[in-house]
């Protein structure tokens, strides 16, 4: 089933003293253009997100924003073992030297030691980002699933529209075949009358040569190949619509072929009814081309 290049998903989450908001959206594009705005202090976040989106999306201009904020109570206090050991060692040295000089120092309390710079540290989200990274990636998987669900829903709508347009094109091609038969009879009558008029008013004109020229005109006006190719393009488009693979580029190329055959048909028409059908055909093909531009 085809998938649209248009999609949107947003979600909020919270864990580990942080809260965040995802915003994932995409619009049409010739290839995959992925732009991410995420916090750079979470190691590996951008690379992991980029890999997930690239694996899920083949085409489109995709923008991913992550707004992350830290809760006020997320900061934790912890003792720095190295700093504590250094302070205790220094205190022991000071007390030993004081005793040698006969000085008596008041006992130090735990609060005194914790108040020394370097003993007590504040640890926030920056100190250990791995758990937060895991929480964010798990939450993003749900956002990405919602995003793809919307693109698939858009794809189903596109499938219905394009399928109906292919039915219109097929009907018009059948009308071309019918109009071509009527045109052939009219052209034969007109050409024979013109040939007879030329021969009646020209001395020494070669009737066989004239017949050859008329046959050449008839061949140049024949649209059988265009009708056959248009029907083949219709079958190819229907097969692509039901393909599980991304088919946007193939359908885009096929629309160029549709348009080329319609242009050739109009240039060969030489018949009022056939010209009208050809113009109607070009209109539907152009409408279908606009829808195809939305397909991944």
Foldseek 3Di string as FASTA:
>chain_A
DFFFQWWWFKDWDDDLQKIKIKTKTWFFDPWEAEEEADDPLQPPQVVVVVVVVVVVDTGTDMYMYMDMDGHPPQKDKDFDVVLLVVLVVVVVVVCVVCVVVPHDDDDDDPVNSCPDPPGMDIDGCSVDVVVVSVVVVVVVVVRVVNGRVRRVVLLVVLLVVLLVLLVVLLVLLVVLVVVVVVVVVVLVVVLVVVLVVVVVVDPPDDSVVSVVVSVVLVVLLDLPVLSVVSVVLSVVVVVLSPDPDQCLVVVLVSLVVQLVSLVSNCVSPPDDVSNVSSVVSNVSSVVSNVSSSRTD
